[in-house]
Protein backbone atom coordinates (compact mmCIF):
# COMPACT_ATOMS: atom_id res chain seq x y z
CA MET A 1 303.56 -42.73 199.77
CA PRO A 2 305.50 -41.07 202.61
CA THR A 3 308.04 -38.36 201.87
CA HIS A 4 311.65 -39.20 202.66
CA SER A 5 314.04 -36.37 203.39
CA SER A 6 317.16 -35.69 205.39
CA ALA A 7 316.24 -32.06 206.01
CA SER A 8 314.18 -31.08 209.04
CA PRO A 9 313.17 -27.86 210.81
CA VAL A 10 314.85 -27.04 214.13
CA LEU A 11 313.03 -26.04 217.28
CA PRO A 12 315.35 -23.79 219.33
CA GLY A 13 316.61 -25.46 222.50
CA CYS A 14 315.67 -28.94 221.33
CA PRO A 15 317.74 -29.99 218.32
CA ASP A 16 316.35 -33.53 218.12
CA LEU A 17 312.67 -32.65 218.51
CA PRO A 18 311.84 -32.20 214.81
CA HIS A 19 312.44 -35.89 214.19
CA PHE A 20 309.15 -36.58 215.99
CA TRP A 21 306.92 -35.03 213.30
CA PRO A 22 306.63 -35.46 209.55
CA ILE A 23 309.21 -33.34 207.77
CA ASN A 24 308.14 -30.19 205.90
CA ARG A 25 304.70 -30.02 207.56
CA GLY A 26 305.69 -27.01 209.65
CA LEU A 27 303.43 -27.95 212.59
CA ILE A 28 303.62 -30.66 215.21
CA THR A 29 300.92 -33.20 214.50
CA ARG A 30 298.11 -32.77 217.02
CA ALA A 31 298.13 -36.47 217.89
CA VAL A 32 301.43 -35.95 219.73
CA ASN A 33 301.46 -33.94 222.93
CA LEU A 34 303.99 -31.11 222.77
CA GLY A 35 304.69 -31.28 226.50
CA PHE A 36 305.50 -34.99 226.17
CA LEU A 37 307.99 -34.26 223.39
CA LEU A 38 309.64 -31.45 225.29
CA SER A 39 310.03 -33.70 228.31
CA LEU A 40 311.92 -36.19 226.18
CA CYS A 41 314.48 -33.67 224.98
CA THR A 42 314.92 -31.74 228.23
CA GLY A 43 315.23 -34.67 230.60
CA GLY A 44 318.76 -33.82 231.61
CA ALA A 45 320.60 -36.20 229.29
CA ALA A 46 323.52 -34.98 227.23
CA GLN A 47 322.51 -33.63 223.84
CA VAL A 48 324.16 -35.04 220.76
CA ALA A 49 325.59 -32.53 218.34
CA THR A 50 324.71 -33.93 214.92
CA LYS A 51 327.83 -34.50 212.89
CA PRO A 52 327.74 -32.04 209.98
CA VAL A 53 327.40 -33.66 206.60
CA THR A 54 330.00 -31.23 205.24
CA PRO A 55 333.20 -33.31 205.02
CA SER A 56 336.13 -32.16 207.14
CA THR A 57 339.68 -33.38 206.77
CA LEU A 58 340.84 -31.11 209.59
CA LEU A 59 340.12 -32.51 213.05
CA ILE A 60 340.89 -31.88 216.69
CA SER A 61 343.49 -34.61 217.28
CA GLN A 62 344.53 -33.90 220.88
CA VAL A 63 343.36 -31.80 223.85
CA TYR A 64 345.30 -31.24 227.07
CA VAL A 65 343.38 -29.44 229.83
CA ALA A 66 345.59 -29.51 232.95
CA GLY A 67 348.20 -26.98 231.85
CA GLY A 68 350.06 -25.48 234.82
CA ASN A 69 348.03 -27.34 237.46
CA ALA A 70 349.72 -29.27 240.26
CA GLY A 71 351.08 -32.45 238.70
CA ALA A 72 350.75 -31.10 235.15
CA VAL A 73 353.08 -32.35 232.42
CA PHE A 74 352.92 -29.07 230.47
CA ARG A 75 352.55 -25.49 231.66
CA ASN A 76 349.75 -24.63 229.23
CA ASP A 77 346.58 -26.21 227.99
CA PHE A 78 346.84 -27.02 224.31
CA VAL A 79 344.74 -28.08 221.36
CA GLU A 80 346.28 -30.00 218.48
CA LEU A 81 344.77 -30.10 215.00
CA TYR A 82 345.51 -32.68 212.31
CA ASN A 83 344.96 -32.73 208.53
CA ARG A 84 344.03 -36.31 207.70
CA GLY A 85 343.23 -35.49 204.08
CA ASN A 86 345.37 -35.37 200.95
CA THR A 87 345.10 -31.62 200.22
CA PRO A 88 346.34 -28.60 202.22
CA VAL A 89 343.83 -26.76 204.44
CA SER A 90 344.00 -23.02 205.08
CA LEU A 91 343.00 -21.80 208.55
CA ALA A 92 342.23 -18.28 207.32
CA GLY A 93 339.21 -17.09 209.30
CA TRP A 94 338.90 -20.27 211.40
CA SER A 95 338.50 -20.35 215.17
CA LEU A 96 338.46 -22.56 218.26
CA GLN A 97 335.43 -21.90 220.45
CA TYR A 98 334.88 -23.22 223.98
CA ALA A 99 332.06 -23.46 226.52
CA SER A 100 331.87 -24.92 230.01
CA ALA A 101 330.16 -28.25 230.68
CA ASN A 102 326.65 -26.79 230.93
CA GLY A 103 327.31 -23.30 229.61
CA SER A 104 326.50 -21.58 226.33
CA PHE A 105 328.93 -20.89 223.53
CA GLY A 106 329.70 -17.33 222.55
CA GLY A 107 332.21 -16.15 225.16
CA GLN A 108 335.59 -17.85 224.68
CA MET A 109 337.30 -17.96 221.28
CA THR A 110 340.78 -18.29 219.79
CA ARG A 111 341.01 -16.86 216.29
CA LEU A 112 343.42 -18.97 214.26
CA PRO A 113 346.09 -17.48 211.97
CA SER A 114 346.03 -17.69 208.19
CA ALA A 115 348.34 -20.69 208.17
CA VAL A 116 348.15 -23.66 205.80
CA ILE A 117 348.24 -27.20 207.25
CA ALA A 118 349.78 -29.70 204.85
CA PRO A 119 348.35 -33.22 204.51
CA GLY A 120 349.44 -35.52 207.32
CA THR A 121 350.70 -32.73 209.57
CA TYR A 122 349.67 -31.27 212.92
CA PHE A 123 349.08 -27.71 214.11
CA LEU A 124 349.64 -26.80 217.76
CA VAL A 125 347.56 -24.16 219.54
CA GLN A 126 348.69 -23.08 223.01
CA GLU A 127 345.88 -22.01 225.35
CA GLY A 128 345.62 -20.79 228.96
CA SER A 129 347.53 -21.92 232.04
CA GLY A 130 346.45 -22.81 235.55
CA GLY A 131 349.84 -22.20 237.17
CA SER A 132 353.58 -22.62 236.77
CA THR A 133 353.90 -26.42 236.86
CA GLY A 134 355.02 -28.37 233.81
CA ALA A 135 357.31 -28.07 230.81
CA MET A 136 357.02 -25.48 228.07
CA LEU A 137 355.30 -26.65 224.90
CA PRO A 138 357.14 -27.15 221.63
CA THR A 139 356.85 -23.98 219.55
CA PRO A 140 353.10 -23.38 219.14
CA GLU A 141 351.78 -22.14 215.80
CA ALA A 142 349.00 -20.17 217.47
CA ILE A 143 348.44 -18.82 220.98
CA GLY A 144 345.10 -18.24 222.67
CA SER A 145 343.82 -17.77 226.19
CA LEU A 146 341.06 -20.37 226.48
CA ALA A 147 340.80 -21.64 230.06
CA LEU A 148 339.87 -25.28 229.42
CA SER A 149 338.27 -26.98 232.40
CA ALA A 150 340.24 -29.93 233.71
CA SER A 151 337.07 -31.95 234.35
CA ALA A 152 334.41 -31.19 231.72
CA GLY A 153 333.85 -28.91 228.75
CA LYS A 154 333.12 -28.69 225.05
CA LEU A 155 335.37 -27.40 222.29
CA ALA A 156 334.50 -26.67 218.66
CA LEU A 157 336.72 -26.17 215.63
CA VAL A 158 334.84 -23.71 213.42
CA ARG A 159 335.43 -22.67 209.81
CA ASP A 160 334.77 -19.02 210.60
CA SER A 161 335.02 -16.64 213.55
CA ALA A 162 331.31 -15.92 213.99
CA ALA A 163 330.49 -16.67 217.63
CA LEU A 164 328.50 -19.87 218.14
CA SER A 165 325.45 -19.69 220.39
CA GLY A 166 323.47 -22.03 222.62
CA VAL A 167 324.57 -24.95 224.74
CA CYS A 168 324.88 -27.37 221.81
CA PRO A 169 325.21 -25.54 218.47
CA ASN A 170 324.62 -27.37 215.22
CA SER A 171 326.19 -25.41 212.37
CA LEU A 172 327.59 -26.62 209.07
CA ASN A 173 330.62 -24.45 209.82
CA ILE A 174 331.56 -26.66 212.76
CA ALA A 175 334.36 -28.81 211.37
CA ASP A 176 334.76 -30.78 214.60
CA LEU A 177 333.43 -30.80 218.16
CA ILE A 178 334.53 -32.64 221.28
CA GLY A 179 332.71 -32.83 224.59
CA TYR A 180 334.45 -34.40 227.58
CA GLY A 181 333.48 -35.32 231.11
CA ALA A 182 329.96 -34.63 232.45
CA VAL A 183 328.98 -32.36 229.58
CA ASN A 184 325.66 -31.64 227.85
CA CYS A 185 326.98 -31.57 224.27
CA ALA A 186 329.23 -33.91 222.31
CA HIS A 187 329.55 -35.83 219.09
CA GLY A 188 327.95 -39.09 220.22
CA THR A 189 328.97 -39.86 223.81
CA PRO A 190 331.38 -37.45 225.58
CA ALA A 191 335.04 -38.42 225.81
CA ARG A 192 336.44 -39.39 229.19
CA ALA A 193 337.91 -36.55 231.22
CA PRO A 194 341.70 -36.83 231.49
CA GLY A 195 343.97 -36.41 234.50
CA ASN A 196 346.87 -34.04 235.01
CA ALA A 197 349.24 -36.45 233.30
CA THR A 198 347.04 -37.47 230.39
CA ALA A 199 345.54 -35.88 227.29
CA MET A 200 342.61 -36.83 225.09
CA LEU A 201 344.19 -38.24 221.92
CA ARG A 202 342.24 -39.11 218.80
CA GLN A 203 342.79 -42.72 217.79
CA GLY A 204 344.93 -43.64 214.78
CA ASP A 205 347.28 -40.66 215.21
CA GLY A 206 344.36 -38.35 214.51
CA ARG A 207 342.71 -40.22 211.65
CA VAL A 208 339.80 -42.03 213.35
CA ASP A 209 336.45 -40.21 213.26
CA THR A 210 333.30 -42.28 213.89
CA GLY A 211 331.25 -39.30 215.09
CA ASN A 212 331.48 -40.53 218.70
CA ASN A 213 333.92 -38.71 221.02
CA PHE A 214 333.98 -41.58 223.52
CA MET A 215 335.14 -44.07 220.90
CA ASP A 216 337.40 -41.71 218.94
CA PHE A 217 339.47 -40.39 221.85
CA MET A 218 341.66 -42.33 224.27
CA LEU A 219 343.49 -41.09 227.36
CA ALA A 220 347.28 -41.23 227.05
CA PRO A 221 350.35 -39.21 228.05
CA PRO A 222 350.29 -35.88 226.21
CA LYS A 223 352.51 -35.58 223.14
CA PRO A 224 352.07 -32.11 221.62
CA ARG A 225 352.95 -32.06 217.92
CA ASN A 226 353.34 -29.10 215.60
CA GLY A 227 354.16 -28.88 211.91
CA THR A 228 357.81 -29.73 212.52
CA VAL A 229 357.72 -31.86 215.69
CA GLY A 230 355.08 -34.31 214.52
CA LYS A 231 354.06 -35.71 211.17
CA ALA A 232 351.88 -38.80 211.08
CA ALA A 233 353.25 -41.74 209.16
CA PRO A 234 351.64 -41.88 205.71
CA VAL A 235 348.92 -44.47 205.38
CA ALA A 236 350.11 -46.47 202.43
CA PRO A 237 347.00 -48.18 201.00
CA SER A 238 346.82 -51.82 202.00
CA THR A 239 344.16 -54.34 201.20
CA LEU A 240 346.10 -57.10 202.96
CA VAL A 241 345.61 -57.07 206.73
CA ILE A 242 346.29 -59.25 209.76
CA SER A 243 342.90 -60.86 210.33
CA GLN A 244 343.61 -63.27 213.22
CA ILE A 245 346.36 -63.99 215.78
CA TYR A 246 346.59 -66.99 218.09
CA VAL A 247 349.33 -66.76 220.72
CA ALA A 248 348.87 -69.77 223.04
CA GLY A 249 349.96 -72.51 220.64
CA GLY A 250 351.02 -75.68 222.44
CA ASN A 251 350.58 -74.26 225.95
CA PRO A 252 348.56 -76.24 228.53
CA GLY A 253 344.90 -75.75 227.64
CA ALA A 254 345.71 -74.61 224.10
CA VAL A 255 343.23 -75.33 221.30
CA ILE A 256 345.88 -75.31 218.55
CA SER A 257 349.39 -76.77 218.72
CA HIS A 258 351.16 -73.70 217.27
CA ASP A 259 350.86 -69.95 217.36
CA TYR A 260 349.56 -68.65 214.06
CA VAL A 261 348.91 -65.46 212.13
CA GLU A 262 346.17 -65.25 209.54
CA LEU A 263 346.24 -62.69 206.71
CA TYR A 264 343.24 -61.58 204.64
CA ASN A 265 342.89 -59.79 201.30
CA ARG A 266 339.89 -57.53 201.73
CA GLY A 267 340.41 -55.83 198.37
CA THR A 268 339.36 -56.58 194.80
CA THR A 269 342.76 -57.42 193.29
CA PRO A 270 345.28 -60.19 194.04
CA VAL A 271 348.24 -59.34 196.29
CA SER A 272 351.66 -60.98 195.88
CA LEU A 273 353.60 -61.63 199.08
CA ALA A 274 356.96 -61.73 197.27
CA GLY A 275 359.48 -60.10 199.62
CA TRP A 276 356.97 -59.48 202.44
CA SER A 277 357.54 -60.40 206.09
CA LEU A 278 355.96 -60.66 209.52
CA GLN A 279 358.03 -58.94 212.22
CA TYR A 280 357.50 -59.18 215.99
CA ALA A 281 358.67 -57.49 219.18
CA SER A 282 357.82 -58.01 222.83
CA ALA A 283 355.45 -55.63 224.63
CA ASN A 284 358.16 -53.10 225.53
CA GLY A 285 360.97 -54.35 223.31
CA SER A 286 362.46 -53.11 220.05
CA PHE A 287 361.83 -54.55 216.62
CA GLY A 288 364.67 -56.09 214.65
CA GLY A 289 364.98 -59.60 216.04
CA GLU A 290 362.12 -61.96 215.12
CA MET A 291 360.96 -62.21 211.52
CA THR A 292 359.13 -64.65 209.26
CA ARG A 293 359.86 -64.12 205.56
CA LEU A 294 356.70 -64.89 203.58
CA PRO A 295 356.66 -67.02 200.43
CA SER A 296 356.09 -65.62 196.94
CA VAL A 297 352.44 -66.63 196.83
CA VAL A 298 349.48 -64.60 195.62
CA VAL A 299 346.54 -64.01 197.96
CA ALA A 300 343.35 -63.74 195.92
CA PRO A 301 340.62 -61.22 196.83
CA GLY A 302 338.45 -62.43 199.70
CA THR A 303 340.83 -65.21 200.73
CA TYR A 304 343.08 -65.94 203.70
CA LEU A 305 346.68 -67.07 204.11
CA LEU A 306 347.66 -69.00 207.24
CA VAL A 307 351.15 -68.60 208.72
CA GLN A 308 352.21 -71.12 211.37
CA GLU A 309 354.63 -69.83 214.00
CA ALA A 310 356.32 -71.36 217.08
CA SER A 311 354.86 -73.74 219.67
CA GLY A 312 355.02 -73.55 223.44
CA GLY A 313 354.47 -77.26 224.07
CA SER A 314 352.63 -80.40 223.02
CA PHE A 315 349.03 -79.36 223.61
CA GLY A 316 346.39 -78.61 220.97
CA THR A 317 345.40 -79.73 217.50
CA PRO A 318 347.90 -79.38 214.62
CA LEU A 319 347.20 -76.76 211.97
CA LEU A 320 346.10 -78.04 208.57
CA ASN A 321 348.14 -77.01 205.52
CA PRO A 322 349.53 -73.62 206.60
CA GLY A 323 350.61 -71.45 203.68
CA ALA A 324 353.85 -70.47 205.41
CA ILE A 325 355.86 -71.58 208.45
CA GLY A 326 357.96 -69.42 210.75
CA THR A 327 359.49 -69.56 214.21
CA ILE A 328 358.23 -66.36 215.84
CA ASN A 329 357.45 -67.00 219.52
CA LEU A 330 354.42 -64.80 220.20
CA SER A 331 353.91 -63.87 223.86
CA ALA A 332 350.63 -65.14 225.30
CA SER A 333 350.04 -61.89 227.20
CA ALA A 334 351.40 -58.87 225.30
CA GLY A 335 353.32 -58.06 222.13
CA LYS A 336 353.30 -56.26 218.79
CA LEU A 337 353.25 -57.72 215.30
CA ALA A 338 353.81 -55.97 211.97
CA LEU A 339 352.98 -57.06 208.43
CA VAL A 340 355.68 -55.49 206.26
CA ARG A 341 355.93 -55.11 202.48
CA ASP A 342 359.64 -55.99 202.53
CA SER A 343 362.08 -58.00 204.65
CA THR A 344 364.23 -55.13 205.90
CA PRO A 345 364.27 -55.40 209.71
CA LEU A 346 362.25 -52.71 211.45
CA SER A 347 363.90 -50.81 214.30
CA GLY A 348 362.76 -49.06 217.46
CA ILE A 349 359.96 -49.82 219.86
CA CYS A 350 357.24 -48.32 217.62
CA PRO A 351 358.44 -48.06 214.02
CA SER A 352 356.72 -45.79 211.52
CA SER A 353 357.40 -46.86 207.95
CA PRO A 354 355.25 -46.60 204.82
CA ASN A 355 356.15 -50.25 204.20
CA ILE A 356 354.18 -51.36 207.26
CA ALA A 357 350.95 -52.68 205.76
CA ASP A 358 349.43 -53.49 209.16
CA LEU A 359 350.40 -53.49 212.83
CA VAL A 360 348.69 -55.06 215.83
CA GLY A 361 349.63 -54.43 219.46
CA TYR A 362 347.92 -56.43 222.19
CA GLY A 363 347.85 -56.57 225.96
CA THR A 364 350.10 -53.94 227.58
CA ALA A 365 352.10 -53.32 224.40
CA ASN A 366 353.61 -49.83 224.04
CA CYS A 367 352.90 -49.69 220.31
CA ALA A 368 349.65 -50.28 218.43
CA HIS A 369 347.32 -48.82 215.86
CA GLY A 370 345.20 -46.78 218.23
CA ALA A 371 344.78 -48.68 221.51
CA PRO A 372 346.15 -52.24 221.88
CA ALA A 373 343.81 -55.18 221.38
CA HIS A 374 342.77 -57.21 224.41
CA ALA A 375 345.09 -60.11 225.20
CA PRO A 376 343.43 -63.49 224.49
CA SER A 377 343.31 -66.65 226.58
CA THR A 378 344.49 -70.14 225.66
CA ALA A 379 341.05 -70.82 224.17
CA THR A 380 340.63 -67.59 222.21
CA ALA A 381 342.27 -65.73 219.34
CA MET A 382 342.30 -62.06 218.38
CA MET A 383 339.98 -61.87 215.38
CA ARG A 384 339.46 -58.84 213.16
CA GLN A 385 335.79 -57.85 212.95
CA GLY A 386 333.72 -58.46 209.82
CA ASP A 387 335.62 -61.62 208.85
CA GLY A 388 338.73 -59.48 208.39
CA LYS A 389 337.20 -56.50 206.61
CA VAL A 390 337.00 -53.93 209.45
CA ASP A 391 339.97 -51.58 209.78
CA THR A 392 339.48 -48.33 211.73
CA SER A 393 343.19 -48.11 212.69
CA ASN A 394 342.25 -48.91 216.29
CA ASN A 395 343.28 -52.41 217.39
CA VAL A 396 341.04 -52.51 220.46
CA SER A 397 337.88 -51.94 218.46
CA ASP A 398 338.93 -53.76 215.28
CA PHE A 399 339.68 -57.06 217.07
CA VAL A 400 337.42 -59.24 219.22
CA LEU A 401 338.32 -62.30 221.27
CA ALA A 402 336.70 -65.47 219.95
CA PRO A 403 337.44 -69.20 219.62
CA PRO A 404 340.26 -69.66 217.08
CA LYS A 405 339.26 -70.65 213.55
CA PRO A 406 342.39 -70.74 211.36
CA ARG A 407 341.59 -70.23 207.71
CA GLY A 408 343.84 -70.77 204.70
CA GLY A 409 343.45 -70.15 200.99
CA THR A 410 341.48 -73.36 200.51
CA ALA A 411 340.00 -73.67 204.00
CA ALA A 412 337.83 -70.59 203.99
CA LYS A 413 336.71 -67.68 201.86
CA ALA A 414 334.97 -64.73 203.43
CA THR A 415 331.55 -63.79 202.13
CA PRO A 416 332.11 -61.00 199.59
CA ALA A 417 330.83 -57.61 200.70
CA VAL A 418 327.95 -56.81 198.37
CA PRO A 419 327.69 -53.03 197.98
CA GLY A 420 324.55 -51.74 199.63
CA THR A 421 323.85 -48.30 200.94
CA LEU A 422 320.66 -49.02 202.91
CA VAL A 423 321.23 -49.80 206.60
CA ILE A 424 319.23 -50.35 209.77
CA SER A 425 319.68 -47.04 211.59
CA GLN A 426 317.43 -47.44 214.64
CA ILE A 427 315.54 -50.21 216.48
CA TYR A 428 313.00 -49.75 219.27
CA VAL A 429 311.95 -52.99 221.01
CA ALA A 430 309.80 -51.94 224.00
CA GLY A 431 306.68 -50.87 222.11
CA GLY A 432 303.55 -50.84 224.27
CA ILE A 433 304.98 -52.35 227.44
CA PRO A 434 304.80 -50.45 230.77
CA GLY A 435 307.13 -47.45 230.64
CA ALA A 436 307.35 -47.49 226.86
CA VAL A 437 307.77 -44.25 224.92
CA PHE A 438 305.97 -45.59 221.84
CA ARG A 439 303.13 -48.05 221.52
CA ASN A 440 304.78 -50.15 218.83
CA ASP A 441 308.20 -51.59 218.17
CA TYR A 442 309.76 -49.99 215.13
CA VAL A 443 312.71 -50.34 212.75
CA GLN A 444 314.13 -47.35 210.95
CA LEU A 445 316.15 -47.63 207.72
CA PHE A 446 318.55 -45.00 206.36
CA ASN A 447 320.16 -44.42 202.97
CA PRO A 448 323.69 -43.05 203.62
CA GLY A 449 324.63 -43.30 199.95
CA SER A 450 324.43 -40.97 196.98
CA THR A 451 321.85 -42.87 194.93
CA SER A 452 318.22 -43.79 195.56
CA VAL A 453 317.38 -47.32 196.70
CA SER A 454 314.13 -49.12 195.85
CA LEU A 455 312.69 -51.41 198.53
CA ALA A 456 310.74 -53.46 195.96
CA GLY A 457 310.94 -57.10 197.07
CA TRP A 458 312.97 -56.35 200.24
CA SER A 459 312.13 -57.65 203.70
CA LEU A 460 312.94 -57.43 207.39
CA GLN A 461 313.52 -60.84 208.99
CA TYR A 462 313.84 -61.57 212.70
CA ALA A 463 314.85 -64.43 215.01
CA SER A 464 315.08 -64.73 218.78
CA ALA A 465 318.46 -64.56 220.51
CA ASN A 466 319.23 -68.26 220.04
CA GLY A 467 316.50 -69.12 217.56
CA ILE A 468 316.40 -69.98 213.87
CA PHE A 469 315.47 -67.53 211.11
CA GLY A 470 312.55 -68.31 208.82
CA GLY A 471 309.48 -67.45 210.88
CA GLN A 472 309.00 -63.69 211.26
CA ILE A 473 309.13 -61.54 208.12
CA THR A 474 307.89 -58.07 207.21
CA ARG A 475 307.73 -57.62 203.45
CA LEU A 476 308.53 -54.04 202.51
CA PRO A 477 306.60 -51.95 199.96
CA GLY A 478 308.03 -50.89 196.59
CA VAL A 479 308.97 -47.37 197.67
CA VAL A 480 312.18 -45.53 196.89
CA VAL A 481 314.38 -44.16 199.70
CA ALA A 482 316.27 -41.09 198.53
CA PRO A 483 319.89 -40.40 199.52
CA GLY A 484 319.97 -39.15 203.10
CA GLY A 485 316.38 -40.31 203.63
CA TYR A 486 314.85 -42.44 206.38
CA PHE A 487 312.09 -45.05 206.17
CA LEU A 488 310.09 -46.07 209.23
CA VAL A 489 308.64 -49.57 209.68
CA GLN A 490 306.13 -50.13 212.50
CA GLU A 491 306.15 -53.61 214.05
CA ALA A 492 304.19 -55.36 216.84
CA SER A 493 303.04 -53.94 220.17
CA GLY A 494 303.34 -55.39 223.66
CA GLY A 495 300.50 -53.39 225.20
CA PRO A 496 298.67 -50.03 225.37
CA PHE A 497 301.49 -47.85 226.66
CA GLY A 498 303.29 -45.11 224.75
CA ALA A 499 302.60 -42.66 221.93
CA THR A 500 301.34 -43.68 218.51
CA LEU A 501 303.88 -43.62 215.67
CA LEU A 502 303.10 -41.06 212.99
CA ASN A 503 302.62 -42.24 209.41
CA PRO A 504 305.01 -45.21 209.25
CA GLY A 505 306.05 -46.13 205.73
CA ALA A 506 305.28 -49.82 206.32
CA THR A 507 303.57 -51.92 208.98
CA GLY A 508 304.51 -55.42 210.07
CA THR A 509 303.87 -57.82 212.95
CA ILE A 510 307.39 -58.82 214.02
CA ASP A 511 307.49 -59.17 217.83
CA LEU A 512 310.96 -57.90 218.75
CA SER A 513 312.25 -59.13 222.10
CA ALA A 514 312.98 -56.33 224.58
CA SER A 515 316.18 -58.04 225.78
CA ALA A 516 317.91 -59.94 222.96
CA GLY A 517 317.40 -60.84 219.31
CA LYS A 518 318.71 -60.52 215.76
CA LEU A 519 317.25 -58.59 212.84
CA ALA A 520 318.23 -58.74 209.17
CA LEU A 521 317.50 -56.35 206.31
CA VAL A 522 317.29 -58.55 203.22
CA ARG A 523 317.23 -57.62 199.53
CA ASP A 524 314.54 -60.22 198.80
CA SER A 525 311.71 -61.94 200.66
CA THR A 526 313.06 -65.47 200.59
CA PRO A 527 313.07 -66.69 204.21
CA LEU A 528 316.53 -66.94 205.72
CA SER A 529 317.50 -70.16 207.49
CA GLY A 530 319.77 -71.16 210.34
CA ALA A 531 320.74 -69.41 213.56
CA CYS A 532 323.21 -67.05 211.87
CA PRO A 533 322.66 -66.85 208.10
CA ASN A 534 325.38 -65.49 205.83
CA GLY A 535 323.79 -64.65 202.50
CA LEU A 536 324.80 -62.18 199.81
CA ASN A 537 321.29 -60.70 199.94
CA ILE A 538 321.63 -59.64 203.58
CA ALA A 539 322.11 -55.88 203.32
CA ASP A 540 322.44 -55.41 207.08
CA LEU A 541 322.17 -57.44 210.28
CA VAL A 542 321.93 -56.31 213.89
CA GLY A 543 322.21 -58.59 216.90
CA TYR A 544 321.55 -57.20 220.37
CA GLY A 545 321.73 -58.44 223.93
CA ALA A 546 322.84 -62.02 224.65
CA THR A 547 322.59 -63.34 221.11
CA GLY A 548 324.94 -65.63 219.23
CA CYS A 549 324.63 -63.82 215.89
CA ALA A 550 325.66 -60.26 215.07
CA ARG A 551 327.91 -58.15 212.92
CA GLY A 552 330.97 -58.27 215.16
CA THR A 553 329.83 -58.02 218.79
CA PRO A 554 326.09 -57.64 219.58
CA ALA A 555 324.76 -54.17 220.39
CA HIS A 556 323.74 -53.38 223.95
CA ALA A 557 320.08 -54.08 224.72
CA PRO A 558 318.14 -50.84 225.31
CA SER A 559 315.68 -49.87 228.03
CA ASN A 560 311.98 -49.05 227.68
CA VAL A 561 312.70 -45.42 226.87
CA ALA A 562 315.74 -45.96 224.68
CA ALA A 563 316.39 -47.26 221.20
CA MET A 564 319.45 -48.72 219.53
CA MET A 565 320.65 -45.89 217.29
CA ARG A 566 323.37 -46.15 214.65
CA GLN A 567 326.08 -43.56 215.26
CA GLY A 568 326.47 -40.52 213.03
CA ASP A 569 322.73 -40.26 212.34
CA GLY A 570 322.91 -43.63 210.56
CA ARG A 571 326.16 -43.16 208.65
CA VAL A 572 328.63 -45.13 210.80
CA ASN A 573 329.08 -48.75 209.71
CA THR A 574 332.20 -50.60 210.85
CA ASN A 575 330.47 -54.01 210.79
CA ASN A 576 330.56 -54.12 214.59
CA ASN A 577 327.12 -53.71 216.17
CA VAL A 578 328.40 -52.83 219.64
CA THR A 579 330.38 -49.82 218.42
CA ASP A 580 328.09 -48.81 215.55
CA PHE A 581 325.01 -48.55 217.80
CA MET A 582 324.48 -46.50 220.95
CA THR A 583 321.44 -46.53 223.23
CA ALA A 584 319.66 -43.17 223.29
CA PRO A 585 316.12 -41.78 223.70
CA ALA A 586 313.92 -43.16 220.94
CA ARG A 587 313.36 -40.61 218.15
CA PRO A 588 311.93 -42.03 214.93
CA HIS A 589 312.67 -39.99 211.79
CA TYR A 590 309.71 -39.68 209.47
């Protein structure tokens, strides 16, 4: 039986290399050529700094790098920290450490003062300046002299002041790390480099952390916040969310005769709507005008409530049995909609109240959770991923555009989310074909939970992009995957090219398409059926390429040398394949 472990030795200069040999053996297996492995990890691609397992509630929430430059908004670079947790964090002994795009850490550091950051508050650190252009910052709580590059660099928030070393350090004392621009180190993919008038802002007012800088940070006008200038609005727990919005009701070409808003209870207890309201404002307008007061009904766990709103004409099919009716006229191109726990009118262009259970901005709206969702067409609605369950506080990633499917309390019930900690963490589909890195396709599983999971009776099941499940199955052995452990399953080969996999835990014959397909991890071995099955025993499902079945949007199809890899070393799971998986050099964990 193979050993499963999350710990692995580190070869200096090549952080990912140890994943190529069995853990705790101490030597690279002779069957694998060391030069081949080194070529894979020194091929010029950006390294990924593995997200430390040590939880951190303190994050880098904003970085401005054009301080003082021509066209700058502020005279100094600055770094903003945010405490997204529920307990105070002391900065005693902490530091910010910086390195250039391709340089080594160890030279530039700002030692932070022994201040305490309260929950939900920011901490502003002023850094160097490139000139005299721009306004002075609000009162900073710390001052350093880091000269942050305006185009590319990497910045670490560290729990001590010991100098980091190397081009891409991987220390448990790194609380957060951001790489931006053309840089060789980042959490996931580097963030986009900003301009003189923009900063890198962490989504969700500093709360969103998927372990991928590119997804977590957006470019927006800088808004430096310190402990008194900025305090993020408290996130009052809400299990009731806006799960779908249709804004073209009755317009020429419309599918449905009325605009509508769909709510979903993703929790485990009923929610009463007594006193609640939906409130709307135009893209750049102020709240306070348009409101739909909701009825005193109870939304059961896992069910939807459909609210019919205004109509723009006579086109489209009437809604069936809406649970509430209002007269809000939702713009077809841009707007902002709030679900509120009371009926007191909101005010301002971007209100921040603990009574706001959910808020969605779309199109060019100036207010949203994170970035606004994409504006739909007459034939599409904005639909929350995972049948309404996904909520990362970022509208653009939480919502996809899809044909409208209004659901009410009796019309539809989402498939309950069965707890399961085992996920598909990596898929390689080019095994054996010319240019392949490995001779066989493979699927890697990961246990991100805190308890062991037995694979007894489990299976992997596959179907082509537009095909029906039921044909290709790999039955898994009765082994136990420990918390933090990986399990490697070898599948079919397309030819003689590539290295041999080392000691896979199971071997199957599934022939994974190199361009598009769908793969399910199932808690039993009963064949699935249909083009897109929805069973309680499906622990995970990944669609890739041009397929009609996926969790959310399909993942991008990889190349011959790349695999689909789940972000955060297998830990990220937002029920959206395209954001959960990145394409990166194949590196099976053993």
